[in-house]
Amino acid sequence: MNSAVNVEWQPVCRLEEVLPGTGVGVRLAGGQAALFRTREDELFALDNHDPFSRANVLSRGLLGSLGGKKVVASPIYKQHFCLDSGQCLEDESVRLTVYPVRLNGSQVEVGVAV
């Protein structure tokens, strides 16, 4: 997300609702995101829509690392998407939207461009 864009913080869930090492699908104004909590307690949010299968399934993907990058593997065709950038590692022409995430007490909030 461009840092010059204004962001509206949308509460999506409580931290304890996302187990470490997993993801959940969350609703945003105008769409869905896949919210991930790593085993190191880092939070990431990407588009939930897998452009290869055309299904909203990335929140069910497996977290891991590949080539020194933290990634989620799509549960359908197994493409890997970088959690930091949204870049598909198998197809450099494909990049998902990455949303800023913050913790406000125990409430997880995702930034949506306004």
N, C-alpha and C. Protein backbone atom coordinates (compact mmCIF):
# COMPACT_ATOMS: atom_id res chain seq x y z
N MET A 1 0.85 -1.17 0.00
CA MET A 1 0.00 0.00 0.00
C MET A 1 0.89 1.23 0.00
N ASN A 2 0.61 2.19 -0.82
CA ASN A 2 1.37 3.41 -0.92
C ASN A 2 1.30 4.17 0.39
N SER A 3 2.45 4.57 0.92
CA SER A 3 2.49 5.24 2.22
C SER A 3 1.85 6.62 2.19
N ALA A 4 1.66 7.21 0.99
CA ALA A 4 1.03 8.53 0.88
C ALA A 4 -0.49 8.44 0.95
N VAL A 5 -1.04 7.24 0.90
CA VAL A 5 -2.49 7.04 0.93
C VAL A 5 -2.98 7.12 2.36
N ASN A 6 -4.12 7.77 2.56
CA ASN A 6 -4.72 7.80 3.89
C ASN A 6 -5.29 6.42 4.21
N VAL A 7 -5.12 6.01 5.46
CA VAL A 7 -5.54 4.68 5.90
C VAL A 7 -6.60 4.82 6.98
N GLU A 8 -7.65 4.03 6.84
CA GLU A 8 -8.66 3.90 7.88
C GLU A 8 -8.46 2.56 8.55
N TRP A 9 -8.30 2.54 9.85
CA TRP A 9 -8.04 1.30 10.57
C TRP A 9 -9.36 0.61 10.90
N GLN A 10 -9.50 -0.61 10.44
CA GLN A 10 -10.73 -1.37 10.63
C GLN A 10 -10.47 -2.53 11.59
N PRO A 11 -11.18 -2.58 12.73
CA PRO A 11 -11.02 -3.72 13.63
C PRO A 11 -11.58 -4.98 12.97
N VAL A 12 -10.81 -6.09 13.03
CA VAL A 12 -11.24 -7.31 12.35
C VAL A 12 -11.42 -8.51 13.28
N CYS A 13 -10.65 -8.57 14.37
CA CYS A 13 -10.79 -9.69 15.31
C CYS A 13 -9.90 -9.40 16.52
N ARG A 14 -10.00 -10.28 17.50
CA ARG A 14 -9.11 -10.20 18.66
C ARG A 14 -7.90 -11.09 18.38
N LEU A 15 -6.76 -10.72 18.94
CA LEU A 15 -5.53 -11.46 18.69
C LEU A 15 -5.67 -12.93 19.03
N GLU A 16 -6.32 -13.25 20.13
CA GLU A 16 -6.44 -14.65 20.56
C GLU A 16 -7.30 -15.49 19.60
N GLU A 17 -8.00 -14.86 18.67
CA GLU A 17 -8.80 -15.59 17.69
C GLU A 17 -7.98 -16.11 16.51
N VAL A 18 -6.71 -15.70 16.45
CA VAL A 18 -5.81 -16.17 15.39
C VAL A 18 -4.67 -16.93 16.07
N LEU A 19 -4.68 -18.24 15.93
CA LEU A 19 -3.64 -19.05 16.56
C LEU A 19 -2.30 -18.82 15.87
N PRO A 20 -1.19 -18.83 16.62
CA PRO A 20 0.12 -18.69 15.99
C PRO A 20 0.34 -19.76 14.92
N GLY A 21 0.87 -19.33 13.77
CA GLY A 21 1.14 -20.24 12.67
C GLY A 21 -0.04 -20.48 11.76
N THR A 22 -1.10 -19.66 11.91
CA THR A 22 -2.30 -19.84 11.09
C THR A 22 -2.78 -18.52 10.49
N GLY A 23 -3.82 -18.63 9.69
CA GLY A 23 -4.46 -17.47 9.11
C GLY A 23 -5.96 -17.56 9.23
N VAL A 24 -6.63 -16.42 9.09
CA VAL A 24 -8.09 -16.36 9.08
C VAL A 24 -8.52 -15.38 8.00
N GLY A 25 -9.67 -15.63 7.44
CA GLY A 25 -10.24 -14.68 6.49
C GLY A 25 -11.00 -13.61 7.26
N VAL A 26 -10.82 -12.35 6.86
CA VAL A 26 -11.52 -11.24 7.51
C VAL A 26 -12.19 -10.38 6.45
N ARG A 27 -13.32 -9.81 6.82
CA ARG A 27 -14.03 -8.90 5.93
C ARG A 27 -13.50 -7.49 6.10
N LEU A 28 -13.30 -6.85 4.96
CA LEU A 28 -12.91 -5.45 4.95
C LEU A 28 -13.96 -4.68 4.16
N ALA A 29 -13.97 -3.38 4.33
CA ALA A 29 -14.84 -2.55 3.50
C ALA A 29 -14.43 -2.79 2.05
N GLY A 30 -15.31 -3.37 1.27
CA GLY A 30 -15.01 -3.60 -0.14
C GLY A 30 -14.31 -4.90 -0.46
N GLY A 31 -14.19 -5.83 0.47
CA GLY A 31 -13.55 -7.10 0.11
C GLY A 31 -13.16 -7.95 1.29
N GLN A 32 -12.18 -8.80 1.06
CA GLN A 32 -11.67 -9.74 2.06
C GLN A 32 -10.16 -9.65 2.14
N ALA A 33 -9.64 -10.01 3.29
CA ALA A 33 -8.19 -10.14 3.45
C ALA A 33 -7.91 -11.45 4.17
N ALA A 34 -6.71 -11.95 3.97
CA ALA A 34 -6.21 -13.10 4.72
C ALA A 34 -5.27 -12.54 5.78
N LEU A 35 -5.62 -12.74 7.03
CA LEU A 35 -4.83 -12.24 8.16
C LEU A 35 -4.03 -13.41 8.71
N PHE A 36 -2.72 -13.23 8.83
CA PHE A 36 -1.83 -14.29 9.31
C PHE A 36 -1.12 -13.86 10.59
N ARG A 37 -0.94 -14.84 11.47
CA ARG A 37 -0.14 -14.65 12.69
C ARG A 37 0.93 -15.72 12.66
N THR A 38 2.19 -15.29 12.56
CA THR A 38 3.28 -16.25 12.51
C THR A 38 3.55 -16.82 13.90
N ARG A 39 4.36 -17.86 13.93
CA ARG A 39 4.74 -18.46 15.22
C ARG A 39 5.57 -17.48 16.06
N GLU A 40 6.15 -16.48 15.40
CA GLU A 40 6.92 -15.43 16.10
C GLU A 40 6.02 -14.27 16.52
N ASP A 41 4.70 -14.43 16.36
CA ASP A 41 3.69 -13.43 16.72
C ASP A 41 3.69 -12.18 15.84
N GLU A 42 4.18 -12.31 14.61
CA GLU A 42 4.07 -11.21 13.66
C GLU A 42 2.73 -11.32 12.94
N LEU A 43 2.14 -10.18 12.60
CA LEU A 43 0.87 -10.14 11.89
C LEU A 43 1.06 -9.61 10.48
N PHE A 44 0.39 -10.25 9.51
CA PHE A 44 0.43 -9.85 8.11
C PHE A 44 -0.97 -9.96 7.54
N ALA A 45 -1.28 -9.13 6.56
CA ALA A 45 -2.57 -9.24 5.86
C ALA A 45 -2.35 -9.04 4.37
N LEU A 46 -2.93 -9.94 3.57
CA LEU A 46 -2.86 -9.91 2.11
C LEU A 46 -4.27 -10.09 1.57
N ASP A 47 -4.42 -9.89 0.25
CA ASP A 47 -5.68 -10.29 -0.39
C ASP A 47 -5.97 -11.74 -0.04
N ASN A 48 -7.22 -12.07 0.19
CA ASN A 48 -7.60 -13.46 0.43
C ASN A 48 -7.85 -14.18 -0.90
N HIS A 49 -7.99 -13.43 -1.98
CA HIS A 49 -8.31 -13.98 -3.29
C HIS A 49 -7.05 -14.54 -3.96
N ASP A 50 -7.08 -15.83 -4.26
CA ASP A 50 -5.98 -16.48 -4.97
C ASP A 50 -6.20 -16.26 -6.47
N PRO A 51 -5.31 -15.51 -7.13
CA PRO A 51 -5.52 -15.21 -8.54
C PRO A 51 -5.39 -16.42 -9.47
N PHE A 52 -4.81 -17.49 -9.01
CA PHE A 52 -4.63 -18.68 -9.84
C PHE A 52 -5.87 -19.58 -9.82
N SER A 53 -6.44 -19.80 -8.65
CA SER A 53 -7.64 -20.64 -8.54
C SER A 53 -8.92 -19.80 -8.61
N ARG A 54 -8.77 -18.49 -8.45
CA ARG A 54 -9.89 -17.54 -8.44
C ARG A 54 -10.86 -17.80 -7.28
N ALA A 55 -10.31 -18.29 -6.18
CA ALA A 55 -11.11 -18.56 -4.99
C ALA A 55 -10.55 -17.76 -3.81
N ASN A 56 -11.41 -17.43 -2.86
CA ASN A 56 -10.98 -16.71 -1.66
C ASN A 56 -10.51 -17.72 -0.61
N VAL A 57 -9.26 -18.17 -0.75
CA VAL A 57 -8.76 -19.28 0.06
C VAL A 57 -7.39 -19.06 0.70
N LEU A 58 -6.75 -17.95 0.42
CA LEU A 58 -5.36 -17.81 0.90
C LEU A 58 -5.24 -17.86 2.42
N SER A 59 -6.30 -17.46 3.13
CA SER A 59 -6.25 -17.51 4.60
C SER A 59 -6.08 -18.95 5.10
N ARG A 60 -6.37 -19.93 4.27
CA ARG A 60 -6.23 -21.34 4.64
C ARG A 60 -4.89 -21.93 4.18
N GLY A 61 -4.02 -21.08 3.63
CA GLY A 61 -2.73 -21.55 3.15
C GLY A 61 -1.77 -21.87 4.29
N LEU A 62 -0.69 -22.52 3.92
CA LEU A 62 0.33 -22.89 4.91
C LEU A 62 1.41 -21.82 4.99
N LEU A 63 1.75 -21.42 6.21
CA LEU A 63 2.82 -20.45 6.42
C LEU A 63 4.17 -21.15 6.45
N GLY A 64 5.19 -20.47 5.95
CA GLY A 64 6.53 -21.03 5.97
C GLY A 64 7.52 -20.01 5.47
N SER A 65 8.68 -20.49 5.05
CA SER A 65 9.68 -19.60 4.47
C SER A 65 10.27 -20.29 3.25
N LEU A 66 10.66 -19.46 2.28
CA LEU A 66 11.22 -19.96 1.04
C LEU A 66 12.21 -18.92 0.55
N GLY A 67 13.45 -19.32 0.37
CA GLY A 67 14.46 -18.37 -0.08
C GLY A 67 14.67 -17.22 0.87
N GLY A 68 14.51 -17.48 2.17
CA GLY A 68 14.70 -16.44 3.18
C GLY A 68 13.52 -15.48 3.32
N LYS A 69 12.41 -15.76 2.64
CA LYS A 69 11.23 -14.90 2.71
C LYS A 69 10.10 -15.64 3.42
N LYS A 70 9.36 -14.90 4.26
CA LYS A 70 8.17 -15.47 4.90
C LYS A 70 7.07 -15.52 3.86
N VAL A 71 6.44 -16.68 3.70
CA VAL A 71 5.46 -16.87 2.64
C VAL A 71 4.23 -17.61 3.15
N VAL A 72 3.17 -17.51 2.34
CA VAL A 72 2.01 -18.38 2.48
C VAL A 72 1.90 -19.14 1.17
N ALA A 73 1.65 -20.45 1.27
CA ALA A 73 1.45 -21.30 0.09
C ALA A 73 -0.04 -21.45 -0.12
N SER A 74 -0.50 -21.15 -1.33
CA SER A 74 -1.92 -21.30 -1.64
C SER A 74 -2.34 -22.75 -1.42
N PRO A 75 -3.50 -22.96 -0.80
CA PRO A 75 -3.95 -24.33 -0.55
C PRO A 75 -4.42 -25.06 -1.81
N ILE A 76 -4.60 -24.35 -2.91
CA ILE A 76 -5.10 -25.00 -4.13
C ILE A 76 -3.95 -25.44 -5.03
N TYR A 77 -3.24 -24.48 -5.65
CA TYR A 77 -2.18 -24.85 -6.60
C TYR A 77 -0.78 -24.65 -6.05
N LYS A 78 -0.66 -24.23 -4.79
CA LYS A 78 0.61 -24.19 -4.05
C LYS A 78 1.56 -23.06 -4.44
N GLN A 79 1.09 -22.01 -5.14
CA GLN A 79 1.98 -20.87 -5.37
C GLN A 79 2.29 -20.22 -4.03
N HIS A 80 3.48 -19.64 -3.95
CA HIS A 80 3.93 -19.00 -2.72
C HIS A 80 3.86 -17.49 -2.88
N PHE A 81 3.29 -16.82 -1.87
CA PHE A 81 3.18 -15.37 -1.86
C PHE A 81 3.94 -14.83 -0.65
N CYS A 82 4.80 -13.85 -0.89
CA CYS A 82 5.59 -13.23 0.17
C CYS A 82 4.65 -12.43 1.08
N LEU A 83 4.75 -12.65 2.38
CA LEU A 83 3.89 -11.95 3.33
C LEU A 83 4.20 -10.46 3.40
N ASP A 84 5.44 -10.08 3.18
CA ASP A 84 5.83 -8.66 3.23
C ASP A 84 5.38 -7.87 2.02
N SER A 85 5.48 -8.46 0.84
CA SER A 85 5.26 -7.71 -0.40
C SER A 85 4.05 -8.17 -1.22
N GLY A 86 3.56 -9.38 -0.96
CA GLY A 86 2.47 -9.93 -1.75
C GLY A 86 2.93 -10.55 -3.06
N GLN A 87 4.24 -10.49 -3.34
CA GLN A 87 4.79 -10.99 -4.59
C GLN A 87 4.68 -12.52 -4.68
N CYS A 88 4.20 -13.02 -5.83
CA CYS A 88 4.18 -14.46 -6.08
C CYS A 88 5.59 -14.88 -6.46
N LEU A 89 6.14 -15.87 -5.79
CA LEU A 89 7.51 -16.29 -6.05
C LEU A 89 7.63 -17.10 -7.34
N GLU A 90 6.55 -17.72 -7.79
CA GLU A 90 6.60 -18.51 -9.01
C GLU A 90 6.26 -17.72 -10.27
N ASP A 91 5.63 -16.55 -10.12
CA ASP A 91 5.23 -15.74 -11.27
C ASP A 91 5.39 -14.27 -10.91
N GLU A 92 6.48 -13.65 -11.34
CA GLU A 92 6.77 -12.27 -10.92
C GLU A 92 5.78 -11.25 -11.46
N SER A 93 4.90 -11.64 -12.38
CA SER A 93 3.89 -10.70 -12.88
C SER A 93 2.67 -10.62 -11.95
N VAL A 94 2.64 -11.46 -10.89
CA VAL A 94 1.50 -11.50 -9.97
C VAL A 94 1.91 -11.01 -8.59
N ARG A 95 1.16 -10.04 -8.10
CA ARG A 95 1.41 -9.49 -6.76
C ARG A 95 0.07 -9.18 -6.10
N LEU A 96 -0.09 -9.63 -4.87
CA LEU A 96 -1.30 -9.37 -4.10
C LEU A 96 -1.19 -8.05 -3.36
N THR A 97 -2.32 -7.46 -3.05
CA THR A 97 -2.34 -6.27 -2.19
C THR A 97 -1.94 -6.69 -0.78
N VAL A 98 -1.08 -5.89 -0.16
CA VAL A 98 -0.67 -6.09 1.22
C VAL A 98 -1.30 -4.97 2.04
N TYR A 99 -1.89 -5.32 3.16
CA TYR A 99 -2.54 -4.35 4.03
C TYR A 99 -1.71 -4.15 5.29
N PRO A 100 -1.62 -2.92 5.78
CA PRO A 100 -0.95 -2.71 7.07
C PRO A 100 -1.80 -3.31 8.19
N VAL A 101 -1.13 -3.83 9.20
CA VAL A 101 -1.82 -4.43 10.35
C VAL A 101 -1.22 -3.85 11.62
N ARG A 102 -2.09 -3.61 12.58
CA ARG A 102 -1.59 -3.16 13.89
C ARG A 102 -2.42 -3.80 14.98
N LEU A 103 -1.84 -3.82 16.15
CA LEU A 103 -2.50 -4.34 17.34
C LEU A 103 -2.86 -3.15 18.22
N ASN A 104 -4.13 -3.03 18.57
CA ASN A 104 -4.62 -1.96 19.43
C ASN A 104 -5.16 -2.65 20.69
N GLY A 105 -4.29 -2.78 21.70
CA GLY A 105 -4.61 -3.62 22.85
C GLY A 105 -4.60 -5.06 22.38
N SER A 106 -5.72 -5.76 22.51
CA SER A 106 -5.80 -7.12 21.97
C SER A 106 -6.61 -7.17 20.67
N GLN A 107 -7.00 -6.00 20.18
CA GLN A 107 -7.79 -5.91 18.94
C GLN A 107 -6.85 -5.79 17.75
N VAL A 108 -7.03 -6.68 16.74
CA VAL A 108 -6.25 -6.59 15.50
C VAL A 108 -6.99 -5.67 14.56
N GLU A 109 -6.26 -4.72 13.97
CA GLU A 109 -6.84 -3.77 13.03
C GLU A 109 -6.07 -3.84 11.72
N VAL A 110 -6.80 -3.75 10.61
CA VAL A 110 -6.22 -3.77 9.28
C VAL A 110 -6.49 -2.42 8.64
N GLY A 111 -5.45 -1.85 8.01
CA GLY A 111 -5.57 -0.55 7.36
C GLY A 111 -6.12 -0.68 5.95
N VAL A 112 -7.16 0.10 5.67
CA VAL A 112 -7.78 0.11 4.36
C VAL A 112 -7.62 1.52 3.78
N ALA A 113 -7.18 1.61 2.52
CA ALA A 113 -6.98 2.91 1.88
C ALA A 113 -8.32 3.61 1.74
N VAL A 114 -8.31 4.92 2.03
CA VAL A 114 -9.52 5.74 1.85
C VAL A 114 -9.23 6.88 0.90
